[in-house]
PDB file of N, CA and C in Angstrom:
ATOM      1  N   MET A   1     102.975 115.190  92.683  1.00  0.00           N
ATOM      2  CA  MET A   1     102.466 114.160  91.791  1.00  0.00           C
ATOM      3  C   MET A   1     101.074 114.531  91.312  1.00  0.00           C
ATOM      4  N   SER A   2     100.734 114.040  90.151  1.00  0.00           N
ATOM      5  CA  SER A   2      99.404 114.324  89.619  1.00  0.00           C
ATOM      6  C   SER A   2      98.378 113.424  90.283  1.00  0.00           C
ATOM      7  N   ASP A   3      97.123 113.846  90.234  1.00  0.00           N
ATOM      8  CA  ASP A   3      96.048 113.053  90.817  1.00  0.00           C
ATOM      9  C   ASP A   3      95.818 111.757  90.054  1.00  0.00           C
ATOM     10  N   GLN A   4      96.259 111.696  88.788  1.00  0.00           N
ATOM     11  CA  GLN A   4      96.060 110.495  87.990  1.00  0.00           C
ATOM     12  C   GLN A   4      96.989 109.371  88.424  1.00  0.00           C
ATOM     13  N   ASN A   5      98.119 109.681  88.997  1.00  0.00           N
ATOM     14  CA  ASN A   5      99.076 108.684  89.460  1.00  0.00           C
ATOM     15  C   ASN A   5      99.377 108.911  90.939  1.00  0.00           C
ATOM     16  N   PRO A   6      98.460 108.512  91.823  1.00  0.00           N
ATOM     17  CA  PRO A   6      98.712 108.739  93.246  1.00  0.00           C
ATOM     18  C   PRO A   6      99.887 107.891  93.727  1.00  0.00           C
ATOM     19  N   PRO A   7     100.619 108.361  94.733  1.00  0.00           N
ATOM     20  CA  PRO A   7     101.753 107.593  95.235  1.00  0.00           C
ATOM     21  C   PRO A   7     101.288 106.329  95.945  1.00  0.00           C
ATOM     22  N   PHE A   8     102.141 105.326  95.944  1.00  0.00           N
ATOM     23  CA  PHE A   8     101.867 104.076  96.641  1.00  0.00           C
ATOM     24  C   PHE A   8     102.898 103.889  97.743  1.00  0.00           C
ATOM     25  N   GLY A   9     102.712 102.841  98.517  1.00  0.00           N
ATOM     26  CA  GLY A   9     103.690 102.474  99.523  1.00  0.00           C
ATOM     27  C   GLY A   9     103.828 103.507 100.618  1.00  0.00           C
ATOM     28  N   LEU A  10     105.057 103.723 101.039  1.00  0.00           N
ATOM     29  CA  LEU A  10     105.319 104.608 102.171  1.00  0.00           C
ATOM     30  C   LEU A  10     105.233 106.083 101.819  1.00  0.00           C
ATOM     31  N   ALA A  11     104.989 106.411 100.564  1.00  0.00           N
ATOM     32  CA  ALA A  11     104.874 107.816 100.168  1.00  0.00           C
ATOM     33  C   ALA A  11     103.427 108.287 100.173  1.00  0.00           C
ATOM     34  N   ARG A  12     102.495 107.432 100.553  1.00  0.00           N
ATOM     35  CA  ARG A  12     101.083 107.755 100.412  1.00  0.00           C
ATOM     36  C   ARG A  12     100.413 108.077 101.748  1.00  0.00           C
ATOM     37  N   ASN A  13      99.825 109.241 101.848  1.00  0.00           N
ATOM     38  CA  ASN A  13      98.905 109.636 102.922  1.00  0.00           C
ATOM     39  C   ASN A  13      99.352 109.268 104.330  1.00  0.00           C
ATOM     40  N   LEU A  14     100.604 109.454 104.653  1.00  0.00           N
ATOM     41  CA  LEU A  14     101.058 109.216 106.010  1.00  0.00           C
ATOM     42  C   LEU A  14     101.312 110.549 106.695  1.00  0.00           C
ATOM     43  N   THR A  15     101.217 110.561 107.996  1.00  0.00           N
ATOM     44  CA  THR A  15     101.410 111.783 108.765  1.00  0.00           C
ATOM     45  C   THR A  15     102.836 112.297 108.601  1.00  0.00           C
ATOM     46  N   ASN A  16     102.956 113.587 108.409  1.00  0.00           N
ATOM     47  CA  ASN A  16     104.260 114.239 108.308  1.00  0.00           C
ATOM     48  C   ASN A  16     104.380 115.249 109.436  1.00  0.00           C
ATOM     49  N   TYR A  17     105.391 115.090 110.249  1.00  0.00           N
ATOM     50  CA  TYR A  17     105.647 116.042 111.321  1.00  0.00           C
ATOM     51  C   TYR A  17     106.748 116.986 110.857  1.00  0.00           C
ATOM     52  N   GLY A  18     106.351 118.053 110.186  1.00  0.00           N
ATOM     53  CA  GLY A  18     107.329 118.983 109.646  1.00  0.00           C
ATOM     54  C   GLY A  18     107.482 118.798 108.152  1.00  0.00           C
ATOM     55  N   ASP A  19     108.693 118.570 107.710  1.00  0.00           N
ATOM     56  CA  ASP A  19     109.019 118.449 106.287  1.00  0.00           C
ATOM     57  C   ASP A  19     108.583 117.082 105.743  1.00  0.00           C
ATOM     58  N   PRO A  20     107.675 117.027 104.757  1.00  0.00           N
ATOM     59  CA  PRO A  20     107.213 115.747 104.203  1.00  0.00           C
ATOM     60  C   PRO A  20     108.342 114.921 103.584  1.00  0.00           C
ATOM     61  N   ASP A  21     109.297 115.579 102.932  1.00  0.00           N
ATOM     62  CA  ASP A  21     110.405 114.842 102.324  1.00  0.00           C
ATOM     63  C   ASP A  21     111.293 114.199 103.383  1.00  0.00           C
ATOM     64  N   PHE A  22     111.526 114.906 104.484  1.00  0.00           N
ATOM     65  CA  PHE A  22     112.338 114.337 105.560  1.00  0.00           C
ATOM     66  C   PHE A  22     111.604 113.180 106.231  1.00  0.00           C
ATOM     67  N   ALA A  23     110.284 113.313 106.413  1.00  0.00           N
ATOM     68  CA  ALA A  23     109.491 112.230 106.998  1.00  0.00           C
ATOM     69  C   ALA A  23     109.552 110.986 106.108  1.00  0.00           C
ATOM     70  N   ARG A  24     109.454 111.177 104.788  1.00  0.00           N
ATOM     71  CA  ARG A  24     109.546 110.053 103.847  1.00  0.00           C
ATOM     72  C   ARG A  24     110.937 109.424 103.913  1.00  0.00           C
ATOM     73  N   TYR A  25     111.973 110.257 104.008  1.00  0.00           N
ATOM     74  CA  TYR A  25     113.347 109.761 104.135  1.00  0.00           C
ATOM     75  C   TYR A  25     113.487 108.876 105.376  1.00  0.00           C
ATOM     76  N   LEU A  26     112.933 109.317 106.506  1.00  0.00           N
ATOM     77  CA  LEU A  26     113.007 108.525 107.735  1.00  0.00           C
ATOM     78  C   LEU A  26     112.287 107.190 107.580  1.00  0.00           C
ATOM     79  N   ARG A  27     111.092 107.214 106.973  1.00  0.00           N
ATOM     80  CA  ARG A  27     110.347 105.964 106.768  1.00  0.00           C
ATOM     81  C   ARG A  27     111.131 104.999 105.884  1.00  0.00           C
ATOM     82  N   PHE A  28     111.672 105.512 104.784  1.00  0.00           N
ATOM     83  CA  PHE A  28     112.446 104.657 103.882  1.00  0.00           C
ATOM     84  C   PHE A  28     113.676 104.095 104.588  1.00  0.00           C
ATOM     85  N   SER A  29     114.349 104.911 105.383  1.00  0.00           N
ATOM     86  CA  SER A  29     115.548 104.457 106.095  1.00  0.00           C
ATOM     87  C   SER A  29     115.219 103.340 107.070  1.00  0.00           C
ATOM     88  N   MET A  30     114.144 103.506 107.817  1.00  0.00           N
ATOM     89  CA  MET A  30     113.764 102.480 108.789  1.00  0.00           C
ATOM     90  C   MET A  30     113.343 101.190 108.092  1.00  0.00           C
ATOM     91  N   ALA A  31     112.603 101.306 106.998  1.00  0.00           N
ATOM     92  CA  ALA A  31     112.172 100.115 106.261  1.00  0.00           C
ATOM     93  C   ALA A  31     113.366  99.413 105.622  1.00  0.00           C
ATOM     94  N   LYS A  32     114.302 100.186 105.086  1.00  0.00           N
ATOM     95  CA  LYS A  32     115.487  99.584 104.473  1.00  0.00           C
ATOM     96  C   LYS A  32     116.333  98.868 105.518  1.00  0.00           C
ATOM     97  N   SER A  33     116.326  99.347 106.755  1.00  0.00           N
ATOM     98  CA  SER A  33     117.080  98.670 107.810  1.00  0.00           C
ATOM     99  C   SER A  33     116.487  97.303 108.137  1.00  0.00           C
ATOM    100  N   MET A  34     115.235  97.074 107.731  1.00  0.00           N
ATOM    101  CA  MET A  34     114.597  95.767 107.915  1.00  0.00           C
ATOM    102  C   MET A  34     114.787  94.873 106.696  1.00  0.00           C
ATOM    103  N   GLY A  35     115.554  95.347 105.700  1.00  0.00           N
ATOM    104  CA  GLY A  35     115.840  94.533 104.535  1.00  0.00           C
ATOM    105  C   GLY A  35     114.863  94.696 103.384  1.00  0.00           C
ATOM    106  N   ILE A  36     114.033  95.721 103.433  1.00  0.00           N
ATOM    107  CA  ILE A  36     113.065  95.963 102.365  1.00  0.00           C
ATOM    108  C   ILE A  36     113.711  96.880 101.335  1.00  0.00           C
ATOM    109  N   SER A  37     113.689  96.468 100.065  1.00  0.00           N
ATOM    110  CA  SER A  37     114.354  97.238  99.010  1.00  0.00           C
ATOM    111  C   SER A  37     113.580  98.510  98.673  1.00  0.00           C
ATOM    112  N   ARG A  38     114.257  99.437  98.024  1.00  0.00           N
ATOM    113  CA  ARG A  38     113.632 100.703  97.612  1.00  0.00           C
ATOM    114  C   ARG A  38     112.507 100.445  96.614  1.00  0.00           C
ATOM    115  N   ASP A  39     112.686  99.470  95.715  1.00  0.00           N
ATOM    116  CA  ASP A  39     111.633  99.134  94.753  1.00  0.00           C
ATOM    117  C   ASP A  39     110.390  98.602  95.458  1.00  0.00           C
ATOM    118  N   SER A  40     110.587  97.776  96.482  1.00  0.00           N
ATOM    119  CA  SER A  40     109.446  97.228  97.226  1.00  0.00           C
ATOM    120  C   SER A  40     108.682  98.318  97.958  1.00  0.00           C
ATOM    121  N   LEU A  41     109.402  99.349  98.403  1.00  0.00           N
ATOM    122  CA  LEU A  41     108.768 100.424  99.156  1.00  0.00           C
ATOM    123  C   LEU A  41     107.835 101.272  98.304  1.00  0.00           C
ATOM    124  N   ALA A  42     107.964 101.183  96.984  1.00  0.00           N
ATOM    125  CA  ALA A  42     107.086 101.938  96.088  1.00  0.00           C
ATOM    126  C   ALA A  42     105.800 101.180  95.775  1.00  0.00           C
ATOM    127  N   LYS A  43     105.709  99.928  96.213  1.00  0.00           N
ATOM    128  CA  LYS A  43     104.524  99.108  95.939  1.00  0.00           C
ATOM    129  C   LYS A  43     103.430  99.400  96.962  1.00  0.00           C
ATOM    130  N   PRO A  44     102.175  99.060  96.628  1.00  0.00           N
ATOM    131  CA  PRO A  44     101.099  99.201  97.615  1.00  0.00           C
ATOM    132  C   PRO A  44     101.362  98.290  98.819  1.00  0.00           C
ATOM    133  N   VAL A  45     101.193  98.816 100.011  1.00  0.00           N
ATOM    134  CA  VAL A  45     101.415  98.056 101.241  1.00  0.00           C
ATOM    135  C   VAL A  45     100.120  97.353 101.633  1.00  0.00           C
ATOM    136  N   VAL A  46     100.218  96.042 101.907  1.00  0.00           N
ATOM    137  CA  VAL A  46      99.064  95.244 102.322  1.00  0.00           C
ATOM    138  C   VAL A  46      99.373  94.665 103.699  1.00  0.00           C
ATOM    139  N   GLY A  47      98.588  95.061 104.705  1.00  0.00           N
ATOM    140  CA  GLY A  47      98.767  94.552 106.056  1.00  0.00           C
ATOM    141  C   GLY A  47      98.102  93.201 106.217  1.00  0.00           C
ATOM    142  N   ILE A  48      98.806  92.267 106.857  1.00  0.00           N
ATOM    143  CA  ILE A  48      98.287  90.923 107.100  1.00  0.00           C
ATOM    144  C   ILE A  48      98.267  90.703 108.608  1.00  0.00           C
ATOM    145  N   VAL A  49      97.085  90.517 109.145  1.00  0.00           N
ATOM    146  CA  VAL A  49      96.927  90.306 110.586  1.00  0.00           C
ATOM    147  C   VAL A  49      97.236  88.854 110.915  1.00  0.00           C
ATOM    148  N   ASN A  50      98.062  88.625 111.932  1.00  0.00           N
ATOM    149  CA  ASN A  50      98.424  87.273 112.345  1.00  0.00           C
ATOM    150  C   ASN A  50      97.956  87.046 113.777  1.00  0.00           C
ATOM    151  N   SER A  51      97.029  86.113 113.944  1.00  0.00           N
ATOM    152  CA  SER A  51      96.495  85.811 115.278  1.00  0.00           C
ATOM    153  C   SER A  51      97.065  84.516 115.844  1.00  0.00           C
ATOM    154  N   PHE A  52      98.161  84.021 115.277  1.00  0.00           N
ATOM    155  CA  PHE A  52      98.750  82.775 115.762  1.00  0.00           C
ATOM    156  C   PHE A  52      99.313  82.947 117.165  1.00  0.00           C
ATOM    157  N   SER A  53      99.140  81.907 117.961  1.00  0.00           N
ATOM    158  CA  SER A  53      99.725  81.846 119.289  1.00  0.00           C
ATOM    159  C   SER A  53      99.804  80.381 119.696  1.00  0.00           C
ATOM    160  N   GLU A  54     100.872  79.999 120.359  1.00  0.00           N
ATOM    161  CA  GLU A  54     100.959  78.631 120.873  1.00  0.00           C
ATOM    162  C   GLU A  54      99.933  78.403 121.976  1.00  0.00           C
ATOM    163  N   PHE A  55      99.399  79.461 122.499  1.00  0.00           N
ATOM    164  CA  PHE A  55      98.357  79.414 123.522  1.00  0.00           C
ATOM    165  C   PHE A  55      97.018  78.984 122.931  1.00  0.00           C
ATOM    166  N   ASN A  56      96.816  79.223 121.643  1.00  0.00           N
ATOM    167  CA  ASN A  56      95.527  78.987 120.994  1.00  0.00           C
ATOM    168  C   ASN A  56      95.664  77.879 119.959  1.00  0.00           C
ATOM    169  N   ASN A  57      95.188  76.684 120.291  1.00  0.00           N
ATOM    170  CA  ASN A  57      95.318  75.560 119.367  1.00  0.00           C
ATOM    171  C   ASN A  57      94.434  75.706 118.130  1.00  0.00           C
ATOM    172  N   CYS A  58      93.410  76.524 118.186  1.00  0.00           N
ATOM    173  CA  CYS A  58      92.520  76.715 117.034  1.00  0.00           C
ATOM    174  C   CYS A  58      93.210  77.460 115.897  1.00  0.00           C
ATOM    175  N   HIS A  59      94.274  78.183 116.198  1.00  0.00           N
ATOM    176  CA  HIS A  59      94.958  78.980 115.179  1.00  0.00           C
ATOM    177  C   HIS A  59      96.296  78.369 114.784  1.00  0.00           C
ATOM    178  N   ARG A  60      96.452  77.066 114.961  1.00  0.00           N
ATOM    179  CA  ARG A  60      97.742  76.436 114.692  1.00  0.00           C
ATOM    180  C   ARG A  60      98.125  76.433 113.215  1.00  0.00           C
ATOM    181  N   THR A  61      97.159  76.606 112.306  1.00  0.00           N
ATOM    182  CA  THR A  61      97.467  76.629 110.871  1.00  0.00           C
ATOM    183  C   THR A  61      97.631  78.047 110.320  1.00  0.00           C
ATOM    184  N   VAL A  62      97.528  79.049 111.168  1.00  0.00           N
ATOM    185  CA  VAL A  62      97.617  80.437 110.711  1.00  0.00           C
ATOM    186  C   VAL A  62      98.971  80.761 110.064  1.00  0.00           C
ATOM    187  N   PRO A  63     100.117  80.281 110.576  1.00  0.00           N
ATOM    188  CA  PRO A  63     101.388  80.615 109.916  1.00  0.00           C
ATOM    189  C   PRO A  63     101.437  80.178 108.446  1.00  0.00           C
ATOM    190  N   GLU A  64     100.911  79.003 108.145  1.00  0.00           N
ATOM    191  CA  GLU A  64     100.882  78.547 106.752  1.00  0.00           C
ATOM    192  C   GLU A  64      99.947  79.415 105.918  1.00  0.00           C
ATOM    193  N   LEU A  65      98.825  79.815 106.495  1.00  0.00           N
ATOM    194  CA  LEU A  65      97.881  80.682 105.793  1.00  0.00           C
ATOM    195  C   LEU A  65      98.501  82.056 105.518  1.00  0.00           C
ATOM    196  N   VAL A  66      99.187  82.607 106.502  1.00  0.00           N
ATOM    197  CA  VAL A  66      99.842  83.906 106.335  1.00  0.00           C
ATOM    198  C   VAL A  66     100.908  83.827 105.240  1.00  0.00           C
ATOM    199  N   ALA A  67     101.676  82.735 105.217  1.00  0.00           N
ATOM    200  CA  ALA A  67     102.699  82.570 104.179  1.00  0.00           C
ATOM    201  C   ALA A  67     102.067  82.525 102.790  1.00  0.00           C
ATOM    202  N   ALA A  68     100.932  81.846 102.661  1.00  0.00           N
ATOM    203  CA  ALA A  68     100.240  81.775 101.371  1.00  0.00           C
ATOM    204  C   ALA A  68      99.703  83.143 100.962  1.00  0.00           C
ATOM    205  N   VAL A  69      99.164  83.886 101.917  1.00  0.00           N
ATOM    206  CA  VAL A  69      98.652  85.231 101.620  1.00  0.00           C
ATOM    207  C   VAL A  69      99.794  86.145 101.184  1.00  0.00           C
ATOM    208  N   LYS A  70     100.942  86.043 101.857  1.00  0.00           N
ATOM    209  CA  LYS A  70     102.103  86.860 101.475  1.00  0.00           C
ATOM    210  C   LYS A  70     102.530  86.563 100.038  1.00  0.00           C
ATOM    211  N   ARG A  71     102.560  85.276  99.678  1.00  0.00           N
ATOM    212  CA  ARG A  71     102.927  84.919  98.304  1.00  0.00           C
ATOM    213  C   ARG A  71     101.940  85.514  97.311  1.00  0.00           C
ATOM    214  N   GLY A  72     100.653  85.488  97.640  1.00  0.00           N
ATOM    215  CA  GLY A  72      99.639  86.062  96.763  1.00  0.00           C
ATOM    216  C   GLY A  72      99.785  87.564  96.612  1.00  0.00           C
ATOM    217  N   VAL A  73     100.070  88.251  97.711  1.00  0.00           N
ATOM    218  CA  VAL A  73     100.257  89.708  97.666  1.00  0.00           C
ATOM    219  C   VAL A  73     101.483  90.054  96.822  1.00  0.00           C
ATOM    220  N   LEU A  74     102.568  89.301  97.006  1.00  0.00           N
ATOM    221  CA  LEU A  74     103.769  89.537  96.203  1.00  0.00           C
ATOM    222  C   LEU A  74     103.499  89.291  94.723  1.00  0.00           C
ATOM    223  N   ALA A  75     102.757  88.216  94.414  1.00  0.00           N
ATOM    224  CA  ALA A  75     102.436  87.898  93.021  1.00  0.00           C
ATOM    225  C   ALA A  75     101.567  88.979  92.387  1.00  0.00           C
ATOM    226  N   ALA A  76     100.745  89.640  93.196  1.00  0.00           N
ATOM    227  CA  ALA A  76      99.868  90.701  92.687  1.00  0.00           C
ATOM    228  C   ALA A  76     100.577  92.053  92.621  1.00  0.00           C
ATOM    229  N   GLY A  77     101.836  92.115  93.070  1.00  0.00           N
ATOM    230  CA  GLY A  77     102.594  93.362  92.972  1.00  0.00           C
ATOM    231  C   GLY A  77     102.553  94.231  94.204  1.00  0.00           C
ATOM    232  N   GLY A  78     102.179  93.674  95.348  1.00  0.00           N
ATOM    233  CA  GLY A  78     102.117  94.451  96.580  1.00  0.00           C
ATOM    234  C   GLY A  78     103.263  94.132  97.516  1.00  0.00           C
ATOM    235  N   LEU A  79     103.303  94.831  98.627  1.00  0.00           N
ATOM    236  CA  LEU A  79     104.293  94.608  99.678  1.00  0.00           C
ATOM    237  C   LEU A  79     103.555  94.113 100.916  1.00  0.00           C
ATOM    238  N   PRO A  80     103.637  92.803 101.221  1.00  0.00           N
ATOM    239  CA  PRO A  80     102.933  92.278 102.392  1.00  0.00           C
ATOM    240  C   PRO A  80     103.711  92.553 103.676  1.00  0.00           C
ATOM    241  N   LEU A  81     103.041  93.127 104.658  1.00  0.00           N
ATOM    242  CA  LEU A  81     103.642  93.353 105.966  1.00  0.00           C
ATOM    243  C   LEU A  81     102.730  92.739 107.024  1.00  0.00           C
ATOM    244  N   GLU A  82     103.291  91.832 107.787  1.00  0.00           N
ATOM    245  CA  GLU A  82     102.539  91.085 108.794  1.00  0.00           C
ATOM    246  C   GLU A  82     102.621  91.796 110.140  1.00  0.00           C
ATOM    247  N   PHE A  83     101.492  91.802 110.866  1.00  0.00           N
ATOM    248  CA  PHE A  83     101.503  92.355 112.217  1.00  0.00           C
ATOM    249  C   PHE A  83     100.620  91.495 113.117  1.00  0.00           C
ATOM    250  N   PRO A  84     100.963  91.397 114.412  1.00  0.00           N
ATOM    251  CA  PRO A  84     100.231  90.510 115.317  1.00  0.00           C
ATOM    252  C   PRO A  84      98.973  91.156 115.887  1.00  0.00           C
ATOM    253  N   THR A  85      98.086  90.305 116.338  1.00  0.00           N
ATOM    254  CA  THR A  85      96.920  90.742 117.091  1.00  0.00           C
ATOM    255  C   THR A  85      96.684  89.737 118.213  1.00  0.00           C
ATOM    256  N   ILE A  86      95.815  90.066 119.120  1.00  0.00           N
ATOM    257  CA  ILE A  86      95.515  89.189 120.243  1.00  0.00           C
ATOM    258  C   ILE A  86      94.932  87.867 119.741  1.00  0.00           C
ATOM    259  N   SER A  87      95.269  86.791 120.418  1.00  0.00           N
ATOM    260  CA  SER A  87      94.764  85.470 120.074  1.00  0.00           C
ATOM    261  C   SER A  87      93.998  84.928 121.276  1.00  0.00           C
ATOM    262  N   LEU A  88      92.744  84.601 121.059  1.00  0.00           N
ATOM    263  CA  LEU A  88      91.892  84.145 122.158  1.00  0.00           C
ATOM    264  C   LEU A  88      91.725  82.631 122.102  1.00  0.00           C
ATOM    265  N   GLY A  89      92.244  81.932 123.098  1.00  0.00           N
ATOM    266  CA  GLY A  89      92.119  80.477 123.167  1.00  0.00           C
ATOM    267  C   GLY A  89      90.897  80.091 123.989  1.00  0.00           C
ATOM    268  N   GLU A  90      89.899  79.553 123.333  1.00  0.00           N
ATOM    269  CA  GLU A  90      88.639  79.179 123.991  1.00  0.00           C
ATOM    270  C   GLU A  90      88.872  78.232 125.167  1.00  0.00           C
ATOM    271  N   VAL A  91      89.820  77.330 125.020  1.00  0.00           N
ATOM    272  CA  VAL A  91      90.066  76.312 126.039  1.00  0.00           C
ATOM    273  C   VAL A  91      90.523  76.923 127.361  1.00  0.00           C
ATOM    274  N   PHE A  92      91.239  78.046 127.294  1.00  0.00           N
ATOM    275  CA  PHE A  92      91.835  78.617 128.499  1.00  0.00           C
ATOM    276  C   PHE A  92      91.089  79.824 129.060  1.00  0.00           C
ATOM    277  N   LEU A  93      89.989  80.222 128.434  1.00  0.00           N
ATOM    278  CA  LEU A  93      89.242  81.384 128.911  1.00  0.00           C
ATOM    279  C   LEU A  93      87.969  80.946 129.617  1.00  0.00           C
ATOM    280  N   ASN A  94      87.675  81.600 130.727  1.00  0.00           N
ATOM    281  CA  ASN A  94      86.522  81.207 131.518  1.00  0.00           C
ATOM    282  C   ASN A  94      85.591  82.397 131.664  1.00  0.00           C
ATOM    283  N   PRO A  95      84.335  82.296 131.413  1.00  0.00           N
ATOM    284  CA  PRO A  95      83.599  81.112 130.973  1.00  0.00           C
ATOM    285  C   PRO A  95      83.666  80.878 129.467  1.00  0.00           C
ATOM    286  N   THR A  96      83.908  81.942 128.665  1.00  0.00           N
ATOM    287  CA  THR A  96      83.955  81.781 127.214  1.00  0.00           C
ATOM    288  C   THR A  96      84.735  82.935 126.593  1.00  0.00           C
ATOM    289  N   SER A  97      85.254  82.704 125.397  1.00  0.00           N
ATOM    290  CA  SER A  97      86.002  83.761 124.707  1.00  0.00           C
ATOM    291  C   SER A  97      85.081  84.826 124.126  1.00  0.00           C
ATOM    292  N   LEU A  98      83.777  84.582 124.104  1.00  0.00           N
ATOM    293  CA  LEU A  98      82.833  85.571 123.575  1.00  0.00           C
ATOM    294  C   LEU A  98      82.894  86.887 124.349  1.00  0.00           C
ATOM    295  N   PHE A  99      83.251  86.815 125.624  1.00  0.00           N
ATOM    296  CA  PHE A  99      83.360  88.033 126.417  1.00  0.00           C
ATOM    297  C   PHE A  99      84.522  88.919 125.951  1.00  0.00           C
ATOM    298  N   PHE A 100      85.484  88.323 125.257  1.00  0.00           N
ATOM    299  CA  PHE A 100      86.697  89.039 124.859  1.00  0.00           C
ATOM    300  C   PHE A 100      86.789  89.268 123.353  1.00  0.00           C
ATOM    301  N   ARG A 101      85.743  88.921 122.603  1.00  0.00           N
ATOM    302  CA  ARG A 101      85.828  88.962 121.138  1.00  0.00           C
ATOM    303  C   ARG A 101      86.085  90.366 120.600  1.00  0.00           C
ATOM    304  N   ASN A 102      85.643  91.388 121.302  1.00  0.00           N
ATOM    305  CA  ASN A 102      85.871  92.754 120.823  1.00  0.00           C
ATOM    306  C   ASN A 102      87.321  93.203 121.000  1.00  0.00           C
ATOM    307  N   LEU A 103      88.073  92.509 121.856  1.00  0.00           N
ATOM    308  CA  LEU A 103      89.476  92.872 122.046  1.00  0.00           C
ATOM    309  C   LEU A 103      90.265  92.718 120.751  1.00  0.00           C
ATOM    310  N   MET A 104      89.964  91.652 119.987  1.00  0.00           N
ATOM    311  CA  MET A 104      90.691  91.432 118.741  1.00  0.00           C
ATOM    312  C   MET A 104      90.397  92.547 117.738  1.00  0.00           C
ATOM    313  N   SER A 105      89.138  92.928 117.619  1.00  0.00           N
ATOM    314  CA  SER A 105      88.811  93.984 116.660  1.00  0.00           C
ATOM    315  C   SER A 105      89.417  95.317 117.098  1.00  0.00           C
ATOM    316  N   MET A 106      89.388  95.609 118.399  1.00  0.00           N
ATOM    317  CA  MET A 106      89.989  96.860 118.876  1.00  0.00           C
ATOM    318  C   MET A 106      91.501  96.846 118.671  1.00  0.00           C
ATOM    319  N   ASP A 107      92.131  95.702 118.926  1.00  0.00           N
ATOM    320  CA  ASP A 107      93.574  95.581 118.760  1.00  0.00           C
ATOM    321  C   ASP A 107      93.977  95.756 117.298  1.00  0.00           C
ATOM    322  N   THR A 108      93.183  95.215 116.397  1.00  0.00           N
ATOM    323  CA  THR A 108      93.501  95.265 114.969  1.00  0.00           C
ATOM    324  C   THR A 108      93.180  96.620 114.357  1.00  0.00           C
ATOM    325  N   GLU A 109      92.057  97.199 114.721  1.00  0.00           N
ATOM    326  CA  GLU A 109      91.595  98.435 114.091  1.00  0.00           C
ATOM    327  C   GLU A 109      92.251  99.682 114.661  1.00  0.00           C
ATOM    328  N   GLU A 110      92.641  99.647 115.896  1.00  0.00           N
ATOM    329  CA  GLU A 110      93.166 100.857 116.531  1.00  0.00           C
ATOM    330  C   GLU A 110      94.612 100.724 116.706  1.00  0.00           C
TER     331      GLU A 110
END
């Protein structure tokens, strides 16, 4: 592909172990098994972090927020993919959740 039209979606800058075309084929096959169409796989992928947990009452509205973000990403022409992260419930952590705040960033970034 030319530099003027870089690839989007699962064809962009992902690790290839061996043949790049075979690696792309495997990614497309696995994504299609989850019900994602071939057209959707060519769109830019947008990751949405979900920190909802029944353990954490402060994040009880996160599912509605994630659904709204997904609709916005779809409307903008992207492919929204949701993934979980740790949820820290202040009520159940002793003495405070501040001691664990870096766990969420490490879980999300790494």
